């Protein structure tokens, strides 16, 4: 929602958004689209962080696993699942 005095001044901002609007007379839908896009891009970023954590966790585990006590496949699967969720939710809740 835009305040009417700012809408006409050429420096309109969306309530709850510190960034100025892109044009001098933005409409109300500009605020909601920007907020929704920011949230949507955040989930993509969180997913990528989960994948990065997965790759790092599996690679380090594969390099250091001795395979004497446990089956390496089971260990790698467990590390992959926990690493992904750790990276994803750490990124998601860190905002």
C-alpha atoms as a PDB file:
ATOM      1  CA  UNK A   1       0.000   0.000   0.000  1.00  0.00           C
ATOM      2  CA  UNK A   2       1.336   3.404  -0.922  1.00  0.00           C
ATOM      3  CA  UNK A   3       0.801   6.535   1.065  1.00  0.00           C
ATOM      4  CA  UNK A   4      -0.945   9.161  -1.078  1.00  0.00           C
ATOM      5  CA  UNK A   5       1.415  12.001  -0.138  1.00  0.00           C
ATOM      6  CA  UNK A   6       4.481  10.021  -1.207  1.00  0.00           C
ATOM      7  CA  UNK A   7       2.811   8.732  -4.359  1.00  0.00           C
ATOM      8  CA  UNK A   8       2.415  12.273  -5.652  1.00  0.00           C
ATOM      9  CA  UNK A   9       5.852  13.482  -4.512  1.00  0.00           C
ATOM     10  CA  UNK A  10       7.854  11.251  -6.852  1.00  0.00           C
ATOM     11  CA  UNK A  11       9.606   9.433  -4.007  1.00  0.00           C
ATOM     12  CA  UNK A  12       7.006   6.807  -3.256  1.00  0.00           C
ATOM     13  CA  UNK A  13       7.918   3.721  -1.302  1.00  0.00           C
ATOM     14  CA  UNK A  14       5.897   0.689  -0.377  1.00  0.00           C
ATOM     15  CA  UNK A  15       4.920   0.335   3.257  1.00  0.00           C
ATOM     16  CA  UNK A  16       7.102  -2.376   4.733  1.00  0.00           C
ATOM     17  CA  UNK A  17       9.636  -2.016   1.930  1.00  0.00           C
ATOM     18  CA  UNK A  18      12.580   0.325   2.355  1.00  0.00           C
ATOM     19  CA  UNK A  19      13.384   0.422  -1.365  1.00  0.00           C
ATOM     20  CA  UNK A  20      11.968   3.324  -3.386  1.00  0.00           C
ATOM     21  CA  UNK A  21       9.505   2.493  -6.124  1.00  0.00           C
ATOM     22  CA  UNK A  22      10.883   2.149  -9.653  1.00  0.00           C
ATOM     23  CA  UNK A  23       8.804   4.915 -11.189  1.00  0.00           C
ATOM     24  CA  UNK A  24       7.511   8.211  -9.859  1.00  0.00           C
ATOM     25  CA  UNK A  25       3.866   7.122  -9.598  1.00  0.00           C
ATOM     26  CA  UNK A  26       3.833   3.421  -8.759  1.00  0.00           C
ATOM     27  CA  UNK A  27       0.590   1.658  -8.116  1.00  0.00           C
ATOM     28  CA  UNK A  28      -0.271  -0.591  -5.224  1.00  0.00           C
ATOM     29  CA  UNK A  29       0.398  -3.801  -7.158  1.00  0.00           C
ATOM     30  CA  UNK A  30       4.078  -2.812  -7.562  1.00  0.00           C
ATOM     31  CA  UNK A  31       4.551  -3.259  -3.819  1.00  0.00           C
ATOM     32  CA  UNK A  32       2.966  -6.709  -3.677  1.00  0.00           C
ATOM     33  CA  UNK A  33       4.769  -8.023  -6.752  1.00  0.00           C
ATOM     34  CA  UNK A  34       8.130  -6.929  -5.366  1.00  0.00           C
ATOM     35  CA  UNK A  35       7.459  -8.562  -1.998  1.00  0.00           C
ATOM     36  CA  UNK A  36       6.240 -11.811  -3.568  1.00  0.00           C
ATOM     37  CA  UNK A  37       9.225 -11.938  -5.932  1.00  0.00           C
ATOM     38  CA  UNK A  38      11.638 -11.380  -3.065  1.00  0.00           C
ATOM     39  CA  UNK A  39      10.093 -14.300  -1.137  1.00  0.00           C
ATOM     40  CA  UNK A  40      10.072 -16.541  -4.229  1.00  0.00           C
ATOM     41  CA  UNK A  41      13.723 -15.857  -4.981  1.00  0.00           C
ATOM     42  CA  UNK A  42      14.514 -16.610  -1.343  1.00  0.00           C
ATOM     43  CA  UNK A  43      13.319 -20.214  -1.628  1.00  0.00           C
ATOM     44  CA  UNK A  44      15.482 -20.724  -4.695  1.00  0.00           C
ATOM     45  CA  UNK A  45      18.445 -19.357  -2.755  1.00  0.00           C
ATOM     46  CA  UNK A  46      17.642 -21.632   0.201  1.00  0.00           C
ATOM     47  CA  UNK A  47      17.439 -24.680  -2.094  1.00  0.00           C
ATOM     48  CA  UNK A  48      20.812 -23.848  -3.634  1.00  0.00           C
ATOM     49  CA  UNK A  49      22.351 -23.533  -0.155  1.00  0.00           C
ATOM     50  CA  UNK A  50      20.933 -26.967   0.679  1.00  0.00           C
ATOM     51  CA  UNK A  51      22.501 -28.496  -2.430  1.00  0.00           C
ATOM     52  CA  UNK A  52      25.863 -26.875  -1.683  1.00  0.00           C
ATOM     53  CA  UNK A  53      25.777 -28.280   1.857  1.00  0.00           C
ATOM     54  CA  UNK A  54      24.875 -31.706   0.470  1.00  0.00           C
ATOM     55  CA  UNK A  55      27.807 -31.736  -1.960  1.00  0.00           C
ATOM     56  CA  UNK A  56      30.303 -30.589   0.670  1.00  0.00           C
ATOM     57  CA  UNK A  57      29.044 -33.035   3.299  1.00  0.00           C
ATOM     58  CA  UNK A  58      29.021 -36.051   0.963  1.00  0.00           C
ATOM     59  CA  UNK A  59      32.435 -35.221  -0.511  1.00  0.00           C
ATOM     60  CA  UNK A  60      34.117 -34.871   2.886  1.00  0.00           C
ATOM     61  CA  UNK A  61      32.419 -38.007   4.196  1.00  0.00           C
ATOM     62  CA  UNK A  62      33.431 -40.010   1.110  1.00  0.00           C
ATOM     63  CA  UNK A  63      37.045 -38.891   1.434  1.00  0.00           C
ATOM     64  CA  UNK A  64      37.290 -39.658   5.144  1.00  0.00           C
ATOM     65  CA  UNK A  65      35.109 -42.800   5.451  1.00  0.00           C
ATOM     66  CA  UNK A  66      37.047 -45.899   6.336  1.00  0.00           C
ATOM     67  CA  UNK A  67      34.176 -48.355   5.708  1.00  0.00           C
ATOM     68  CA  UNK A  68      35.131 -50.729   8.525  1.00  0.00           C
ATOM     69  CA  UNK A  69      32.183 -50.379  10.865  1.00  0.00           C
ATOM     70  CA  UNK A  70      29.260 -49.198   8.686  1.00  0.00           C
ATOM     71  CA  UNK A  71      28.183 -49.585   5.079  1.00  0.00           C
ATOM     72  CA  UNK A  72      29.515 -46.531   3.207  1.00  0.00           C
ATOM     73  CA  UNK A  73      26.365 -46.207   1.075  1.00  0.00           C
ATOM     74  CA  UNK A  74      24.144 -45.915   4.140  1.00  0.00           C
ATOM     75  CA  UNK A  75      26.447 -43.362   5.734  1.00  0.00           C
ATOM     76  CA  UNK A  76      26.579 -41.250   2.559  1.00  0.00           C
ATOM     77  CA  UNK A  77      22.788 -41.318   2.245  1.00  0.00           C
ATOM     78  CA  UNK A  78      22.342 -40.211   5.842  1.00  0.00           C
ATOM     79  CA  UNK A  79      24.912 -37.434   5.427  1.00  0.00           C
ATOM     80  CA  UNK A  80      23.281 -36.288   2.170  1.00  0.00           C
ATOM     81  CA  UNK A  81      19.820 -35.986   3.746  1.00  0.00           C
ATOM     82  CA  UNK A  82      20.988 -34.230   6.890  1.00  0.00           C
ATOM     83  CA  UNK A  83      23.373 -31.921   5.044  1.00  0.00           C
ATOM     84  CA  UNK A  84      20.693 -30.792   2.598  1.00  0.00           C
ATOM     85  CA  UNK A  85      18.133 -30.034   5.299  1.00  0.00           C
ATOM     86  CA  UNK A  86      20.749 -28.363   7.467  1.00  0.00           C
ATOM     87  CA  UNK A  87      21.810 -26.012   4.656  1.00  0.00           C
ATOM     88  CA  UNK A  88      18.248 -25.357   3.489  1.00  0.00           C
ATOM     89  CA  UNK A  89      16.727 -24.564   6.871  1.00  0.00           C
ATOM     90  CA  UNK A  90      19.737 -22.611   8.110  1.00  0.00           C
ATOM     91  CA  UNK A  91      19.399 -20.363   5.079  1.00  0.00           C
ATOM     92  CA  UNK A  92      15.593 -20.204   5.373  1.00  0.00           C
ATOM     93  CA  UNK A  93      15.483 -19.214   9.039  1.00  0.00           C
ATOM     94  CA  UNK A  94      18.543 -16.942   8.962  1.00  0.00           C
ATOM     95  CA  UNK A  95      16.572 -14.162   7.259  1.00  0.00           C
END
